[in-house]
Amino acid sequence: NSNRFDVPMLSEEFARAGVDFDFSSARFIDVQNIFHKKEQRTLTAAYRFYCD
């Protein structure tokens, strides 16, 4: 999620504030991708995750 929302939003906000930040050399890890790969995407798994 950070690669599709947070980073573009930060880039726009830095530009509006006149801050020159080069994102091309930065490395990002989107933890949502890791979560989706590690956690099952089923109703049972969601119940266990949120309700146990």
PDB file of N, CA and C in Angstrom:
ATOM      1  N   ASN A   1       0.817  -1.192   0.000  1.00  0.00           N
ATOM      2  CA  ASN A   1       0.000   0.000   0.000  1.00  0.00           C
ATOM      3  C   ASN A   1       0.865   1.261   0.000  1.00  0.00           C
ATOM      4  N   SER A   2       2.000   1.193   0.655  1.00  0.00           N
ATOM      5  CA  SER A   2       2.833   2.398   0.706  1.00  0.00           C
ATOM      6  C   SER A   2       3.362   2.782  -0.668  1.00  0.00           C
ATOM      7  N   ASN A   3       3.634   1.788  -1.510  1.00  0.00           N
ATOM      8  CA  ASN A   3       4.151   2.092  -2.848  1.00  0.00           C
ATOM      9  C   ASN A   3       3.105   2.746  -3.741  1.00  0.00           C
ATOM     10  N   ARG A   4       1.835   2.457  -3.496  1.00  0.00           N
ATOM     11  CA  ARG A   4       0.777   3.025  -4.345  1.00  0.00           C
ATOM     12  C   ARG A   4       0.123   4.262  -3.736  1.00  0.00           C
ATOM     13  N   PHE A   5       0.277   4.470  -2.420  1.00  0.00           N
ATOM     14  CA  PHE A   5      -0.367   5.630  -1.810  1.00  0.00           C
ATOM     15  C   PHE A   5       0.626   6.525  -1.070  1.00  0.00           C
ATOM     16  N   ASP A   6       1.293   5.973  -0.061  1.00  0.00           N
ATOM     17  CA  ASP A   6       2.117   6.798   0.823  1.00  0.00           C
ATOM     18  C   ASP A   6       3.269   7.495   0.101  1.00  0.00           C
ATOM     19  N   VAL A   7       4.006   6.758  -0.704  1.00  0.00           N
ATOM     20  CA  VAL A   7       5.166   7.347  -1.385  1.00  0.00           C
ATOM     21  C   VAL A   7       4.737   8.423  -2.386  1.00  0.00           C
ATOM     22  N   PRO A   8       3.740   8.164  -3.249  1.00  0.00           N
ATOM     23  CA  PRO A   8       3.295   9.243  -4.142  1.00  0.00           C
ATOM     24  C   PRO A   8       2.760  10.464  -3.384  1.00  0.00           C
ATOM     25  N   MET A   9       2.043  10.228  -2.272  1.00  0.00           N
ATOM     26  CA  MET A   9       1.517  11.344  -1.489  1.00  0.00           C
ATOM     27  C   MET A   9       2.653  12.143  -0.861  1.00  0.00           C
ATOM     28  N   LEU A  10       3.646  11.450  -0.307  1.00  0.00           N
ATOM     29  CA  LEU A  10       4.799  12.148   0.263  1.00  0.00           C
ATOM     30  C   LEU A  10       5.552  12.937  -0.799  1.00  0.00           C
ATOM     31  N   SER A  11       5.704  12.358  -1.963  1.00  0.00           N
ATOM     32  CA  SER A  11       6.381  13.047  -3.059  1.00  0.00           C
ATOM     33  C   SER A  11       5.661  14.344  -3.415  1.00  0.00           C
ATOM     34  N   GLU A  12       4.345  14.277  -3.523  1.00  0.00           N
ATOM     35  CA  GLU A  12       3.555  15.479  -3.836  1.00  0.00           C
ATOM     36  C   GLU A  12       3.642  16.513  -2.719  1.00  0.00           C
ATOM     37  N   GLU A  13       3.589  16.069  -1.474  1.00  0.00           N
ATOM     38  CA  GLU A  13       3.666  17.004  -0.348  1.00  0.00           C
ATOM     39  C   GLU A  13       5.044  17.658  -0.264  1.00  0.00           C
ATOM     40  N   PHE A  14       6.105  16.884  -0.497  1.00  0.00           N
ATOM     41  CA  PHE A  14       7.442  17.477  -0.527  1.00  0.00           C
ATOM     42  C   PHE A  14       7.531  18.522  -1.632  1.00  0.00           C
ATOM     43  N   ALA A  15       6.989  18.226  -2.796  1.00  0.00           N
ATOM     44  CA  ALA A  15       7.021  19.174  -3.913  1.00  0.00           C
ATOM     45  C   ALA A  15       6.265  20.447  -3.559  1.00  0.00           C
ATOM     46  N   ARG A  16       5.094  20.301  -2.928  1.00  0.00           N
ATOM     47  CA  ARG A  16       4.310  21.485  -2.528  1.00  0.00           C
ATOM     48  C   ARG A  16       5.039  22.335  -1.512  1.00  0.00           C
ATOM     49  N   ALA A  17       5.815  21.671  -0.637  1.00  0.00           N
ATOM     50  CA  ALA A  17       6.551  22.393   0.405  1.00  0.00           C
ATOM     51  C   ALA A  17       7.889  22.924  -0.103  1.00  0.00           C
ATOM     52  N   GLY A  18       8.215  22.624  -1.354  1.00  0.00           N
ATOM     53  CA  GLY A  18       9.470  23.105  -1.916  1.00  0.00           C
ATOM     54  C   GLY A  18      10.679  22.299  -1.471  1.00  0.00           C
ATOM     55  N   VAL A  19      10.444  21.093  -0.980  1.00  0.00           N
ATOM     56  CA  VAL A  19      11.538  20.232  -0.531  1.00  0.00           C
ATOM     57  C   VAL A  19      11.943  19.323  -1.684  1.00  0.00           C
ATOM     58  N   ASP A  20      13.215  19.368  -2.029  1.00  0.00           N
ATOM     59  CA  ASP A  20      13.722  18.536  -3.120  1.00  0.00           C
ATOM     60  C   ASP A  20      14.204  17.212  -2.540  1.00  0.00           C
ATOM     61  N   PHE A  21      13.458  16.150  -2.786  1.00  0.00           N
ATOM     62  CA  PHE A  21      13.824  14.825  -2.294  1.00  0.00           C
ATOM     63  C   PHE A  21      13.789  13.861  -3.463  1.00  0.00           C
ATOM     64  N   ASP A  22      14.921  13.229  -3.722  1.00  0.00           N
ATOM     65  CA  ASP A  22      15.032  12.303  -4.848  1.00  0.00           C
ATOM     66  C   ASP A  22      14.641  10.895  -4.397  1.00  0.00           C
ATOM     67  N   PHE A  23      13.435  10.481  -4.761  1.00  0.00           N
ATOM     68  CA  PHE A  23      12.937   9.160  -4.385  1.00  0.00           C
ATOM     69  C   PHE A  23      13.546   8.048  -5.237  1.00  0.00           C
ATOM     70  N   SER A  24      14.177   8.387  -6.342  1.00  0.00           N
ATOM     71  CA  SER A  24      14.680   7.351  -7.250  1.00  0.00           C
ATOM     72  C   SER A  24      15.803   6.521  -6.628  1.00  0.00           C
ATOM     73  N   SER A  25      16.541   7.091  -5.690  1.00  0.00           N
ATOM     74  CA  SER A  25      17.627   6.333  -5.063  1.00  0.00           C
ATOM     75  C   SER A  25      17.208   5.689  -3.742  1.00  0.00           C
ATOM     76  N   ALA A  26      15.969   5.916  -3.323  1.00  0.00           N
ATOM     77  CA  ALA A  26      15.478   5.345  -2.060  1.00  0.00           C
ATOM     78  C   ALA A  26      14.980   3.922  -2.278  1.00  0.00           C
ATOM     79  N   ARG A  27      15.104   3.106  -1.245  1.00  0.00           N
ATOM     80  CA  ARG A  27      14.592   1.736  -1.296  1.00  0.00           C
ATOM     81  C   ARG A  27      13.403   1.641  -0.347  1.00  0.00           C
ATOM     82  N   PHE A  28      12.338   1.030  -0.815  1.00  0.00           N
ATOM     83  CA  PHE A  28      11.116   0.923  -0.031  1.00  0.00           C
ATOM     84  C   PHE A  28      10.708  -0.533   0.114  1.00  0.00           C
ATOM     85  N   ILE A  29      10.146  -0.854   1.255  1.00  0.00           N
ATOM     86  CA  ILE A  29       9.566  -2.173   1.484  1.00  0.00           C
ATOM     87  C   ILE A  29       8.103  -1.956   1.827  1.00  0.00           C
ATOM     88  N   ASP A  30       7.234  -2.487   0.997  1.00  0.00           N
ATOM     89  CA  ASP A  30       5.797  -2.370   1.234  1.00  0.00           C
ATOM     90  C   ASP A  30       5.364  -3.570   2.070  1.00  0.00           C
ATOM     91  N   VAL A  31       5.134  -3.348   3.362  1.00  0.00           N
ATOM     92  CA  VAL A  31       4.821  -4.459   4.258  1.00  0.00           C
ATOM     93  C   VAL A  31       3.472  -5.099   3.951  1.00  0.00           C
ATOM     94  N   GLN A  32       2.606  -4.402   3.238  1.00  0.00           N
ATOM     95  CA  GLN A  32       1.336  -5.011   2.846  1.00  0.00           C
ATOM     96  C   GLN A  32       1.585  -6.209   1.928  1.00  0.00           C
ATOM     97  N   ASN A  33       2.554  -6.099   1.033  1.00  0.00           N
ATOM     98  CA  ASN A  33       2.901  -7.226   0.162  1.00  0.00           C
ATOM     99  C   ASN A  33       3.382  -8.418   0.977  1.00  0.00           C
ATOM    100  N   ILE A  34       4.203  -8.160   1.982  1.00  0.00           N
ATOM    101  CA  ILE A  34       4.695  -9.238   2.842  1.00  0.00           C
ATOM    102  C   ILE A  34       3.536  -9.869   3.600  1.00  0.00           C
ATOM    103  N   PHE A  35       2.665  -9.038   4.152  1.00  0.00           N
ATOM    104  CA  PHE A  35       1.506  -9.546   4.898  1.00  0.00           C
ATOM    105  C   PHE A  35       0.644 -10.439   4.017  1.00  0.00           C
ATOM    106  N   HIS A  36       0.377 -10.008   2.800  1.00  0.00           N
ATOM    107  CA  HIS A  36      -0.478 -10.796   1.908  1.00  0.00           C
ATOM    108  C   HIS A  36       0.174 -12.117   1.509  1.00  0.00           C
ATOM    109  N   LYS A  37       1.482 -12.156   1.444  1.00  0.00           N
ATOM    110  CA  LYS A  37       2.169 -13.404   1.109  1.00  0.00           C
ATOM    111  C   LYS A  37       2.231 -14.358   2.298  1.00  0.00           C
ATOM    112  N   LYS A  38       2.310 -13.817   3.511  1.00  0.00           N
ATOM    113  CA  LYS A  38       2.480 -14.644   4.704  1.00  0.00           C
ATOM    114  C   LYS A  38       1.158 -15.084   5.336  1.00  0.00           C
ATOM    115  N   GLU A  39       0.131 -14.292   5.219  1.00  0.00           N
ATOM    116  CA  GLU A  39      -1.155 -14.596   5.854  1.00  0.00           C
ATOM    117  C   GLU A  39      -2.118 -15.175   4.834  1.00  0.00           C
ATOM    118  N   GLN A  40      -2.819 -16.225   5.234  1.00  0.00           N
ATOM    119  CA  GLN A  40      -3.838 -16.788   4.359  1.00  0.00           C
ATOM    120  C   GLN A  40      -4.933 -15.757   4.125  1.00  0.00           C
ATOM    121  N   ARG A  41      -5.498 -15.762   2.951  1.00  0.00           N
ATOM    122  CA  ARG A  41      -6.547 -14.803   2.590  1.00  0.00           C
ATOM    123  C   ARG A  41      -7.896 -15.519   2.531  1.00  0.00           C
ATOM    124  N   THR A  42      -8.299 -16.090   3.678  1.00  0.00           N
ATOM    125  CA  THR A  42      -9.578 -16.784   3.762  1.00  0.00           C
ATOM    126  C   THR A  42     -10.381 -16.205   4.904  1.00  0.00           C
ATOM    127  N   LEU A  43     -11.668 -16.468   4.911  1.00  0.00           N
ATOM    128  CA  LEU A  43     -12.530 -15.989   5.989  1.00  0.00           C
ATOM    129  C   LEU A  43     -12.115 -16.606   7.322  1.00  0.00           C
ATOM    130  N   THR A  44     -11.773 -17.871   7.315  1.00  0.00           N
ATOM    131  CA  THR A  44     -11.333 -18.541   8.542  1.00  0.00           C
ATOM    132  C   THR A  44     -10.062 -17.896   9.089  1.00  0.00           C
ATOM    133  N   ALA A  45      -9.110 -17.622   8.212  1.00  0.00           N
ATOM    134  CA  ALA A  45      -7.863 -16.988   8.640  1.00  0.00           C
ATOM    135  C   ALA A  45      -8.121 -15.579   9.165  1.00  0.00           C
ATOM    136  N   ALA A  46      -9.013 -14.854   8.527  1.00  0.00           N
ATOM    137  CA  ALA A  46      -9.352 -13.502   8.989  1.00  0.00           C
ATOM    138  C   ALA A  46      -9.995 -13.556  10.370  1.00  0.00           C
ATOM    139  N   TYR A  47     -10.878 -14.522  10.576  1.00  0.00           N
ATOM    140  CA  TYR A  47     -11.520 -14.671  11.888  1.00  0.00           C
ATOM    141  C   TYR A  47     -10.464 -14.945  12.959  1.00  0.00           C
ATOM    142  N   ARG A  48      -9.547 -15.875  12.677  1.00  0.00           N
ATOM    143  CA  ARG A  48      -8.492 -16.190  13.647  1.00  0.00           C
ATOM    144  C   ARG A  48      -7.622 -14.968  13.936  1.00  0.00           C
ATOM    145  N   PHE A  49      -7.295 -14.224  12.897  1.00  0.00           N
ATOM    146  CA  PHE A  49      -6.412 -13.062  13.051  1.00  0.00           C
ATOM    147  C   PHE A  49      -7.060 -11.966  13.896  1.00  0.00           C
ATOM    148  N   TYR A  50      -8.334 -11.660  13.625  1.00  0.00           N
ATOM    149  CA  TYR A  50      -8.981 -10.524  14.277  1.00  0.00           C
ATOM    150  C   TYR A  50      -9.767 -10.886  15.529  1.00  0.00           C
ATOM    151  N   CYS A  51     -10.177 -12.137  15.679  1.00  0.00           N
ATOM    152  CA  CYS A  51     -11.092 -12.482  16.772  1.00  0.00           C
ATOM    153  C   CYS A  51     -10.492 -13.391  17.839  1.00  0.00           C
ATOM    154  N   ASP A  52      -9.361 -13.989  17.599  1.00  0.00           N
ATOM    155  CA  ASP A  52      -8.771 -14.867  18.628  1.00  0.00           C
ATOM    156  C   ASP A  52      -7.854 -14.102  19.536  1.00  0.00           C
TER     157      ASP A  52
END
